[in-house]
C-alpha atoms as a PDB file:
ATOM      1  CA  MET A   1     -46.382 -89.182  44.408  1.00  0.00           C
ATOM      2  CA  ASP A   2     -44.356 -90.970  47.041  1.00  0.00           C
ATOM      3  CA  ARG A   3     -42.899 -94.455  46.756  1.00  0.00           C
ATOM      4  CA  PRO A   4     -45.413 -96.366  48.986  1.00  0.00           C
ATOM      5  CA  THR A   5     -48.355 -94.872  47.064  1.00  0.00           C
ATOM      6  CA  LYS A   6     -46.847 -95.944  43.728  1.00  0.00           C
ATOM      7  CA  ALA A   7     -46.250 -99.450  45.061  1.00  0.00           C
ATOM      8  CA  THR A   8     -49.833 -99.693  46.313  1.00  0.00           C
ATOM      9  CA  LEU A   9     -51.230 -98.540  42.970  1.00  0.00           C
ATOM     10  CA  TRP A  10     -49.083-101.057  41.068  1.00  0.00           C
ATOM     11  CA  ILE A  11     -50.205-103.885  43.348  1.00  0.00           C
ATOM     12  CA  ALA A  12     -53.860-102.893  42.880  1.00  0.00           C
ATOM     13  CA  PHE A  13     -53.383-102.772  39.096  1.00  0.00           C
ATOM     14  CA  VAL A  14     -51.779-106.228  39.025  1.00  0.00           C
ATOM     15  CA  VAL A  15     -54.547-107.731  41.180  1.00  0.00           C
ATOM     16  CA  ILE A  16     -57.343-106.267  39.033  1.00  0.00           C
ATOM     17  CA  ALA A  17     -55.626-107.210  35.759  1.00  0.00           C
ATOM     18  CA  SER A  18     -55.041-110.783  36.951  1.00  0.00           C
ATOM     19  CA  TYR A  19     -58.723-111.080  37.912  1.00  0.00           C
ATOM     20  CA  PHE A  20     -59.834-110.132  34.386  1.00  0.00           C
ATOM     21  CA  ALA A  21     -57.180-112.359  32.796  1.00  0.00           C
ATOM     22  CA  TRP A  22     -58.313-115.320  34.941  1.00  0.00           C
ATOM     23  CA  PHE A  23     -61.965-114.642  34.018  1.00  0.00           C
ATOM     24  CA  PHE A  24     -61.306-114.651  30.259  1.00  0.00           C
ATOM     25  CA  LEU A  25     -58.821-117.541  30.336  1.00  0.00           C
ATOM     26  CA  ASP A  26     -61.269-119.648  32.341  1.00  0.00           C
ATOM     27  CA  CYS A  27     -63.882-119.171  29.641  1.00  0.00           C
ATOM     28  CA  ALA A  28     -61.424-119.514  26.738  1.00  0.00           C
ATOM     29  CA  LEU A  29     -60.207-122.905  27.963  1.00  0.00           C
ATOM     30  CA  ASP A  30     -63.730-124.300  28.445  1.00  0.00           C
ATOM     31  CA  SER A  31     -65.455-125.431  25.236  1.00  0.00           C
ATOM     32  CA  SER A  32     -68.924-125.025  26.799  1.00  0.00           C
ATOM     33  CA  CYS A  33     -68.302-121.356  27.667  1.00  0.00           C
ATOM     34  CA  HIS A  34     -69.098-118.518  25.274  1.00  0.00           C
ATOM     35  CA  LEU A  35     -68.689-114.778  25.740  1.00  0.00           C
ATOM     36  CA  VAL A  36     -71.942-113.006  24.845  1.00  0.00           C
ATOM     37  CA  CYS A  37     -72.152-109.247  24.333  1.00  0.00           C
ATOM     38  CA  VAL A  38     -75.540-107.535  24.413  1.00  0.00           C
ATOM     39  CA  ALA A  39     -76.149-104.205  22.708  1.00  0.00           C
ATOM     40  CA  GLY A  40     -78.794-101.799  23.968  1.00  0.00           C
ATOM     41  CA  GLY A  41     -80.178-101.434  27.472  1.00  0.00           C
ATOM     42  CA  ARG A  42     -77.458-101.929  30.044  1.00  0.00           C
ATOM     43  CA  GLY A  43     -75.415-103.791  27.442  1.00  0.00           C
ATOM     44  CA  GLY A  44     -72.118-105.325  28.350  1.00  0.00           C
ATOM     45  CA  CYS A  45     -70.612-108.774  28.049  1.00  0.00           C
ATOM     46  CA  HIS A  46     -71.077-111.887  30.126  1.00  0.00           C
ATOM     47  CA  THR A  47     -70.348-115.586  29.851  1.00  0.00           C
ATOM     48  CA  GLU A  48     -72.844-118.298  29.090  1.00  0.00           C
ATOM     49  CA  ARG A  49     -72.164-121.984  29.489  1.00  0.00           C
ATOM     50  CA  THR A  50     -73.968-124.492  27.320  1.00  0.00           C
ATOM     51  CA  ALA A  51     -75.085-127.767  28.774  1.00  0.00           C
ATOM     52  CA  GLY A  52     -72.586-130.509  28.057  1.00  0.00           C
ATOM     53  CA  PRO A  53     -73.411-134.098  27.186  1.00  0.00           C
ATOM     54  CA  LYS A  54     -74.553-136.240  30.094  1.00  0.00           C
END
């Protein structure tokens, strides 16, 4: 693998990893946000925000 290809792959990895880190940190720092994982069907995890006091 040549040098420009390696650099491109590293940049893509950093961008994707930072996206996921930002997603989880955004939810972790918000007390109204909870990560919910569903088993069965399509499954997977998503965030849910509870309504805060008005």
